[in-house]
Amino acid sequence: VLIAPSWVLTAAHCLVERQATSLQAVIGVTNLNASPITANTRDIAAAYLHPLAPTAQRTVYRNDLALLELDTPYTGRAASLAEPAVLDQLELDAGPISDEVVLFGWGRLGETGGYPSRLQRVALDLMGLQCASRYAGLPGGGYDATIWLCAGEPEADVIEPDDSNDSTPRDPDGEDACVLDSGGPLVIRGAPGPQVIGIVSWGQSGDCGNPEYPTVYT
């Protein structure tokens, strides 16, 4: 996610065994099949990882943050990052079925599905208590709410506000992040505009959309 004219925020584990300078940032595309595709492409000048970022592929990631520096600034709109106080209030206001956060991504459409040509979005619920319980046995001290957020769909068969224009509003397979959504933004809506509160980091391996094991965000 672009957060400033020269800076892209992503998950550090996306750069494991990969040279960031061999990548490019493609800004402004929401449909890969559109003709012509209107995009701004930038080379990556450098990557800066969290000092304790993961150095190998694994199931659980801590300190999963990286900044990519663009070789040429992009002058269009960048995403805003939420202040800590906004996140604190969001946790307090979260109800059991509230769709208070939105995930954007290009990841797989389910465990056995394909990959989309259009940018996807889904409204989710914050599920910190569920994650604290489900991931309590993680090595290194269990689920750590100081570095992680947790979001998912606790009741996939309930019709929620974001399903109003959905032809199939009941989602028995759940709504969640999946493979290759890593690094994508989790956003809150409202004044003064959308704000990024987290990025996709990890989840239950091979089990996308399971309401018992929501996705964890840095």
C-alpha atoms as a PDB file:
ATOM      1  CA  VAL A   1       0.000   0.000   0.000  1.00  0.00           C
ATOM      2  CA  LEU A   2       1.306   3.435  -1.024  1.00  0.00           C
ATOM      3  CA  ILE A   3       1.592   5.581   2.134  1.00  0.00           C
ATOM      4  CA  ALA A   4       3.660   8.541   0.851  1.00  0.00           C
ATOM      5  CA  PRO A   5       4.936   9.752  -2.545  1.00  0.00           C
ATOM      6  CA  SER A   6       8.111   7.620  -2.336  1.00  0.00           C
ATOM      7  CA  TRP A   7       7.066   4.865   0.068  1.00  0.00           C
ATOM      8  CA  VAL A   8       5.175   1.582  -0.133  1.00  0.00           C
ATOM      9  CA  LEU A   9       4.340  -0.388   3.012  1.00  0.00           C
ATOM     10  CA  THR A  10       4.247  -4.184   2.789  1.00  0.00           C
ATOM     11  CA  ALA A  11       4.873  -7.361   4.753  1.00  0.00           C
ATOM     12  CA  ALA A  12       8.537  -8.184   5.317  1.00  0.00           C
ATOM     13  CA  HIS A  13       8.003 -11.890   4.668  1.00  0.00           C
ATOM     14  CA  CYS A  14       7.137 -11.021   1.045  1.00  0.00           C
ATOM     15  CA  LEU A  15      10.820 -10.117   0.621  1.00  0.00           C
ATOM     16  CA  VAL A  16      12.274 -13.341   2.037  1.00  0.00           C
ATOM     17  CA  GLU A  17      14.673 -14.834  -0.548  1.00  0.00           C
ATOM     18  CA  ARG A  18      13.791 -12.011  -2.946  1.00  0.00           C
ATOM     19  CA  GLN A  19      15.733  -8.937  -3.993  1.00  0.00           C
ATOM     20  CA  ALA A  20      13.475  -5.922  -3.579  1.00  0.00           C
ATOM     21  CA  THR A  21      15.303  -4.047  -6.348  1.00  0.00           C
ATOM     22  CA  SER A  22      14.138  -6.729  -8.817  1.00  0.00           C
ATOM     23  CA  LEU A  23      10.504  -5.752  -8.123  1.00  0.00           C
ATOM     24  CA  GLN A  24       8.310  -2.937  -9.373  1.00  0.00           C
ATOM     25  CA  ALA A  25       5.404  -1.059  -7.838  1.00  0.00           C
ATOM     26  CA  VAL A  26       2.350  -0.729 -10.082  1.00  0.00           C
ATOM     27  CA  ILE A  27       0.082   2.046  -8.820  1.00  0.00           C
ATOM     28  CA  GLY A  28      -3.533   2.686  -9.748  1.00  0.00           C
ATOM     29  CA  VAL A  29      -4.613  -0.603 -11.374  1.00  0.00           C
ATOM     30  CA  THR A  30      -7.836  -2.229 -10.179  1.00  0.00           C
ATOM     31  CA  ASN A  31      -8.638  -4.347 -13.254  1.00  0.00           C
ATOM     32  CA  LEU A  32      -5.901  -6.355 -14.945  1.00  0.00           C
ATOM     33  CA  ASN A  33      -8.089  -6.982 -18.011  1.00  0.00           C
ATOM     34  CA  ALA A  34      -8.932  -3.335 -18.668  1.00  0.00           C
ATOM     35  CA  SER A  35      -7.714  -2.067 -22.013  1.00  0.00           C
ATOM     36  CA  PRO A  36      -5.723   0.054 -21.893  1.00  0.00           C
ATOM     37  CA  ILE A  37      -4.468  -0.357 -18.346  1.00  0.00           C
ATOM     38  CA  THR A  38      -3.819   3.045 -16.809  1.00  0.00           C
ATOM     39  CA  ALA A  39      -0.959   2.645 -14.354  1.00  0.00           C
ATOM     40  CA  ASN A  40       2.080   4.258 -12.896  1.00  0.00           C
ATOM     41  CA  THR A  41       5.034   1.893 -12.655  1.00  0.00           C
ATOM     42  CA  ARG A  42       7.988   2.568 -10.399  1.00  0.00           C
ATOM     43  CA  ASP A  43      11.211   0.673  -9.807  1.00  0.00           C
ATOM     44  CA  ILE A  44      12.209  -0.070  -6.217  1.00  0.00           C
ATOM     45  CA  ALA A  45      15.313   1.851  -5.163  1.00  0.00           C
ATOM     46  CA  ALA A  46      15.721   0.212  -1.743  1.00  0.00           C
ATOM     47  CA  ALA A  47      13.943  -1.830   0.921  1.00  0.00           C
ATOM     48  CA  TYR A  48      13.998  -1.237   4.665  1.00  0.00           C
ATOM     49  CA  LEU A  49      12.879  -4.093   6.906  1.00  0.00           C
ATOM     50  CA  HIS A  50      11.996  -4.026  10.576  1.00  0.00           C
ATOM     51  CA  PRO A  51      15.217  -4.847  12.500  1.00  0.00           C
ATOM     52  CA  LEU A  52      13.600  -8.058  13.816  1.00  0.00           C
ATOM     53  CA  ALA A  53      11.697  -8.918  10.641  1.00  0.00           C
ATOM     54  CA  PRO A  54      11.403 -12.574   9.561  1.00  0.00           C
ATOM     55  CA  THR A  55      14.336 -13.923   7.566  1.00  0.00           C
ATOM     56  CA  ALA A  56      12.737 -17.216   6.481  1.00  0.00           C
ATOM     57  CA  GLN A  57       9.331 -18.442   5.355  1.00  0.00           C
ATOM     58  CA  ARG A  58       7.312 -19.836   8.264  1.00  0.00           C
ATOM     59  CA  THR A  59       3.751 -20.037   9.571  1.00  0.00           C
ATOM     60  CA  VAL A  60       3.765 -17.179  12.096  1.00  0.00           C
ATOM     61  CA  TYR A  61       5.443 -13.813  11.566  1.00  0.00           C
ATOM     62  CA  ARG A  62       6.396 -11.192  14.130  1.00  0.00           C
ATOM     63  CA  ASN A  63       7.653  -7.696  13.229  1.00  0.00           C
ATOM     64  CA  ASP A  64       6.385  -8.315   9.716  1.00  0.00           C
ATOM     65  CA  LEU A  65       6.930  -4.831   8.252  1.00  0.00           C
ATOM     66  CA  ALA A  66       8.922  -3.489   5.339  1.00  0.00           C
ATOM     67  CA  LEU A  67       9.129  -0.158   3.501  1.00  0.00           C
ATOM     68  CA  LEU A  68       9.919  -0.024  -0.199  1.00  0.00           C
ATOM     69  CA  GLU A  69      11.426   3.207  -1.494  1.00  0.00           C
ATOM     70  CA  LEU A  70      10.333   4.140  -5.017  1.00  0.00           C
ATOM     71  CA  ASP A  71      12.959   5.377  -7.438  1.00  0.00           C
ATOM     72  CA  THR A  72      10.644   8.226  -8.503  1.00  0.00           C
ATOM     73  CA  PRO A  73       7.935   9.767  -6.301  1.00  0.00           C
ATOM     74  CA  TYR A  74       4.278   9.286  -7.193  1.00  0.00           C
ATOM     75  CA  THR A  75       2.335  12.541  -6.972  1.00  0.00           C
ATOM     76  CA  GLY A  76      -1.150  11.029  -6.704  1.00  0.00           C
ATOM     77  CA  ARG A  77      -3.096  10.253  -3.558  1.00  0.00           C
ATOM     78  CA  ALA A  78      -1.465   8.027  -0.946  1.00  0.00           C
ATOM     79  CA  ALA A  79      -3.141   6.128   1.890  1.00  0.00           C
ATOM     80  CA  SER A  80      -3.322   7.577   5.392  1.00  0.00           C
ATOM     81  CA  LEU A  81      -2.074   5.652   8.409  1.00  0.00           C
ATOM     82  CA  ALA A  82      -4.328   5.555  11.476  1.00  0.00           C
ATOM     83  CA  GLU A  83      -3.056   7.088  14.695  1.00  0.00           C
ATOM     84  CA  PRO A  84      -2.880   4.746  17.732  1.00  0.00           C
ATOM     85  CA  ALA A  85      -5.794   6.538  19.423  1.00  0.00           C
ATOM     86  CA  VAL A  86      -8.035   5.719  16.433  1.00  0.00           C
ATOM     87  CA  LEU A  87      -7.210   2.044  16.758  1.00  0.00           C
ATOM     88  CA  ASP A  88      -7.809   2.072  20.511  1.00  0.00           C
ATOM     89  CA  GLN A  89     -11.271   3.554  20.025  1.00  0.00           C
ATOM     90  CA  LEU A  90     -12.037   1.128  17.213  1.00  0.00           C
ATOM     91  CA  GLU A  91     -11.333  -1.813  19.517  1.00  0.00           C
ATOM     92  CA  LEU A  92     -13.690  -0.326  22.113  1.00  0.00           C
ATOM     93  CA  ASP A  93     -16.492   0.306  19.617  1.00  0.00           C
ATOM     94  CA  ALA A  94     -16.297  -3.059  17.845  1.00  0.00           C
ATOM     95  CA  GLY A  95     -19.511  -5.038  18.110  1.00  0.00           C
ATOM     96  CA  PRO A  96     -20.111  -8.722  17.374  1.00  0.00           C
ATOM     97  CA  ILE A  97     -21.384  -8.018  13.825  1.00  0.00           C
ATOM     98  CA  SER A  98     -20.106  -4.628  12.820  1.00  0.00           C
ATOM     99  CA  ASP A  99     -18.096  -4.851   9.570  1.00  0.00           C
ATOM    100  CA  GLU A 100     -15.892  -2.087  10.919  1.00  0.00           C
ATOM    101  CA  VAL A 101     -12.808  -2.834   8.788  1.00  0.00           C
ATOM    102  CA  VAL A 102     -12.238  -3.497   5.086  1.00  0.00           C
ATOM    103  CA  LEU A 103      -9.554  -5.634   3.448  1.00  0.00           C
ATOM    104  CA  PHE A 104      -8.289  -5.050  -0.108  1.00  0.00           C
ATOM    105  CA  GLY A 105      -6.225  -7.612  -2.004  1.00  0.00           C
ATOM    106  CA  TRP A 106      -5.318  -9.636  -5.072  1.00  0.00           C
ATOM    107  CA  GLY A 107      -5.132 -12.968  -3.232  1.00  0.00           C
ATOM    108  CA  ARG A 108      -6.584 -16.334  -4.101  1.00  0.00           C
ATOM    109  CA  LEU A 109     -10.398 -16.652  -4.197  1.00  0.00           C
ATOM    110  CA  GLY A 110     -10.648 -19.418  -1.619  1.00  0.00           C
ATOM    111  CA  GLU A 111      -8.429 -22.389  -0.853  1.00  0.00           C
ATOM    112  CA  THR A 112      -9.023 -24.016  -4.260  1.00  0.00           C
ATOM    113  CA  GLY A 113     -10.005 -20.929  -6.258  1.00  0.00           C
ATOM    114  CA  GLY A 114      -8.131 -18.928  -8.851  1.00  0.00           C
ATOM    115  CA  TYR A 115      -6.667 -15.450  -8.693  1.00  0.00           C
ATOM    116  CA  PRO A 116      -8.819 -12.416  -9.539  1.00  0.00           C
ATOM    117  CA  SER A 117      -8.357 -10.005 -12.412  1.00  0.00           C
ATOM    118  CA  ARG A 118     -10.102  -7.299 -10.382  1.00  0.00           C
ATOM    119  CA  LEU A 119      -8.950  -5.918  -7.048  1.00  0.00           C
ATOM    120  CA  GLN A 120     -11.068  -7.512  -4.304  1.00  0.00           C
ATOM    121  CA  ARG A 121     -12.509  -6.036  -1.100  1.00  0.00           C
ATOM    122  CA  VAL A 122     -14.375  -7.499   1.848  1.00  0.00           C
ATOM    123  CA  ALA A 123     -15.749  -5.991   5.065  1.00  0.00           C
ATOM    124  CA  LEU A 124     -14.641  -7.851   8.196  1.00  0.00           C
ATOM    125  CA  ASP A 125     -14.980  -7.736  11.972  1.00  0.00           C
ATOM    126  CA  LEU A 126     -12.168  -7.223  14.452  1.00  0.00           C
ATOM    127  CA  MET A 127     -11.699 -10.496  16.363  1.00  0.00           C
ATOM    128  CA  GLY A 128      -8.966  -9.852  18.916  1.00  0.00           C
ATOM    129  CA  LEU A 129     -10.507 -11.960  21.678  1.00  0.00           C
ATOM    130  CA  GLN A 130     -11.010 -14.915  19.362  1.00  0.00           C
ATOM    131  CA  CYS A 131      -7.397 -14.748  18.197  1.00  0.00           C
ATOM    132  CA  ALA A 132      -6.082 -14.438  21.736  1.00  0.00           C
ATOM    133  CA  SER A 133      -7.893 -17.683  22.513  1.00  0.00           C
ATOM    134  CA  ARG A 134      -7.245 -19.624  19.308  1.00  0.00           C
ATOM    135  CA  TYR A 135      -3.579 -18.693  19.033  1.00  0.00           C
ATOM    136  CA  ALA A 136      -2.785 -18.852  22.748  1.00  0.00           C
ATOM    137  CA  GLY A 137      -0.339 -21.710  22.234  1.00  0.00           C
ATOM    138  CA  LEU A 138       1.952 -19.922  19.792  1.00  0.00           C
ATOM    139  CA  PRO A 139       5.663 -20.215  20.608  1.00  0.00           C
ATOM    140  CA  GLY A 140       7.153 -17.037  21.997  1.00  0.00           C
ATOM    141  CA  GLY A 141       4.292 -16.089  24.285  1.00  0.00           C
ATOM    142  CA  GLY A 142       1.085 -16.717  22.364  1.00  0.00           C
ATOM    143  CA  TYR A 143      -0.980 -14.096  20.571  1.00  0.00           C
ATOM    144  CA  ASP A 144       0.537 -10.637  21.066  1.00  0.00           C
ATOM    145  CA  ALA A 145      -2.026  -7.811  20.816  1.00  0.00           C
ATOM    146  CA  THR A 146       0.750  -5.196  20.969  1.00  0.00           C
ATOM    147  CA  ILE A 147       2.046  -6.135  17.508  1.00  0.00           C
ATOM    148  CA  TRP A 148      -0.956  -7.831  15.867  1.00  0.00           C
ATOM    149  CA  LEU A 149      -4.547  -7.140  14.867  1.00  0.00           C
ATOM    150  CA  CYS A 150      -7.017  -9.875  14.089  1.00  0.00           C
ATOM    151  CA  ALA A 151      -9.973  -9.688  11.688  1.00  0.00           C
ATOM    152  CA  GLY A 152     -12.326 -12.155  10.056  1.00  0.00           C
ATOM    153  CA  GLU A 153     -15.927 -13.223   9.626  1.00  0.00           C
ATOM    154  CA  PRO A 154     -17.192 -14.879  12.824  1.00  0.00           C
ATOM    155  CA  GLU A 155     -20.680 -15.682  11.487  1.00  0.00           C
ATOM    156  CA  ALA A 156     -20.383 -16.398   7.769  1.00  0.00           C
ATOM    157  CA  ASP A 157     -24.071 -17.260   7.381  1.00  0.00           C
ATOM    158  CA  VAL A 158     -25.359 -13.918   8.743  1.00  0.00           C
ATOM    159  CA  ILE A 159     -26.352 -11.218   6.242  1.00  0.00           C
ATOM    160  CA  GLU A 160     -24.396  -8.096   7.194  1.00  0.00           C
ATOM    161  CA  PRO A 161     -24.398  -4.457   6.009  1.00  0.00           C
ATOM    162  CA  ASP A 162     -21.697  -5.054   3.397  1.00  0.00           C
ATOM    163  CA  ASP A 163     -23.838  -7.815   1.813  1.00  0.00           C
ATOM    164  CA  SER A 164     -26.595  -5.416   0.679  1.00  0.00           C
ATOM    165  CA  ASN A 165     -25.619  -5.643  -3.010  1.00  0.00           C
ATOM    166  CA  ASP A 166     -24.296  -9.202  -2.862  1.00  0.00           C
ATOM    167  CA  SER A 167     -26.230 -11.749  -4.954  1.00  0.00           C
ATOM    168  CA  THR A 168     -24.981 -14.514  -2.652  1.00  0.00           C
ATOM    169  CA  PRO A 169     -24.833 -12.816   0.758  1.00  0.00           C
ATOM    170  CA  ARG A 170     -24.428 -15.996   2.793  1.00  0.00           C
ATOM    171  CA  ASP A 171     -20.834 -17.174   2.646  1.00  0.00           C
ATOM    172  CA  PRO A 172     -20.637 -20.663   4.181  1.00  0.00           C
ATOM    173  CA  ASP A 173     -16.920 -20.852   3.319  1.00  0.00           C
ATOM    174  CA  GLY A 174     -16.261 -17.600   5.183  1.00  0.00           C
ATOM    175  CA  GLU A 175     -14.802 -14.238   4.178  1.00  0.00           C
ATOM    176  CA  ASP A 176     -11.144 -13.558   4.840  1.00  0.00           C
ATOM    177  CA  ALA A 177      -7.689 -13.026   3.416  1.00  0.00           C
ATOM    178  CA  CYS A 178      -6.057 -15.860   1.488  1.00  0.00           C
ATOM    179  CA  VAL A 179      -2.812 -16.805  -0.272  1.00  0.00           C
ATOM    180  CA  LEU A 180      -0.998 -13.806  -1.845  1.00  0.00           C
ATOM    181  CA  ASP A 181      -3.035 -11.204   0.031  1.00  0.00           C
ATOM    182  CA  SER A 182       0.070 -10.691   2.202  1.00  0.00           C
ATOM    183  CA  GLY A 183       1.036  -7.054   2.662  1.00  0.00           C
ATOM    184  CA  GLY A 184      -2.398  -5.825   1.623  1.00  0.00           C
ATOM    185  CA  PRO A 185      -4.120  -3.094   3.648  1.00  0.00           C
ATOM    186  CA  LEU A 186      -6.757  -3.422   6.358  1.00  0.00           C
ATOM    187  CA  VAL A 187      -8.662  -0.124   6.401  1.00  0.00           C
ATOM    188  CA  ILE A 188     -11.216   1.714   8.520  1.00  0.00           C
ATOM    189  CA  ARG A 189     -13.725   4.036   6.871  1.00  0.00           C
ATOM    190  CA  GLY A 190     -15.110   7.367   7.996  1.00  0.00           C
ATOM    191  CA  ALA A 191     -13.943  10.903   8.642  1.00  0.00           C
ATOM    192  CA  PRO A 192     -11.517  12.295   7.677  1.00  0.00           C
ATOM    193  CA  GLY A 193     -11.241   9.430   5.195  1.00  0.00           C
ATOM    194  CA  PRO A 194     -10.060   5.822   4.936  1.00  0.00           C
ATOM    195  CA  GLN A 195      -7.106   4.969   7.155  1.00  0.00           C
ATOM    196  CA  VAL A 196      -4.825   1.931   7.126  1.00  0.00           C
ATOM    197  CA  ILE A 197      -4.689   0.121  10.476  1.00  0.00           C
ATOM    198  CA  GLY A 198      -2.827  -3.054   9.486  1.00  0.00           C
ATOM    199  CA  ILE A 199      -1.404  -5.223   6.725  1.00  0.00           C
ATOM    200  CA  VAL A 200      -1.996  -8.929   6.053  1.00  0.00           C
ATOM    201  CA  SER A 201       0.648 -11.066   7.752  1.00  0.00           C
ATOM    202  CA  TRP A 202      -0.364 -14.666   8.543  1.00  0.00           C
ATOM    203  CA  GLY A 203      -3.178 -17.083   9.307  1.00  0.00           C
ATOM    204  CA  GLN A 204      -4.129 -20.724   9.669  1.00  0.00           C
ATOM    205  CA  SER A 205      -2.106 -22.479   6.962  1.00  0.00           C
ATOM    206  CA  GLY A 206      -4.241 -23.784   4.089  1.00  0.00           C
ATOM    207  CA  ASP A 207      -7.520 -22.793   5.729  1.00  0.00           C
ATOM    208  CA  CYS A 208      -8.725 -19.503   4.221  1.00  0.00           C
ATOM    209  CA  GLY A 209     -11.987 -18.151   5.589  1.00  0.00           C
ATOM    210  CA  ASN A 210     -12.189 -20.352   8.664  1.00  0.00           C
ATOM    211  CA  PRO A 211     -14.058 -18.223  11.259  1.00  0.00           C
ATOM    212  CA  GLU A 212     -12.400 -20.192  14.048  1.00  0.00           C
ATOM    213  CA  TYR A 213      -8.928 -19.063  12.932  1.00  0.00           C
ATOM    214  CA  PRO A 214      -9.038 -15.467  11.621  1.00  0.00           C
ATOM    215  CA  THR A 215      -6.208 -13.772   9.754  1.00  0.00           C
ATOM    216  CA  VAL A 216      -3.586 -11.873  11.745  1.00  0.00           C
ATOM    217  CA  TYR A 217      -2.391  -8.427  10.633  1.00  0.00           C
ATOM    218  CA  THR A 218       0.703  -6.453  11.569  1.00  0.00           C
END
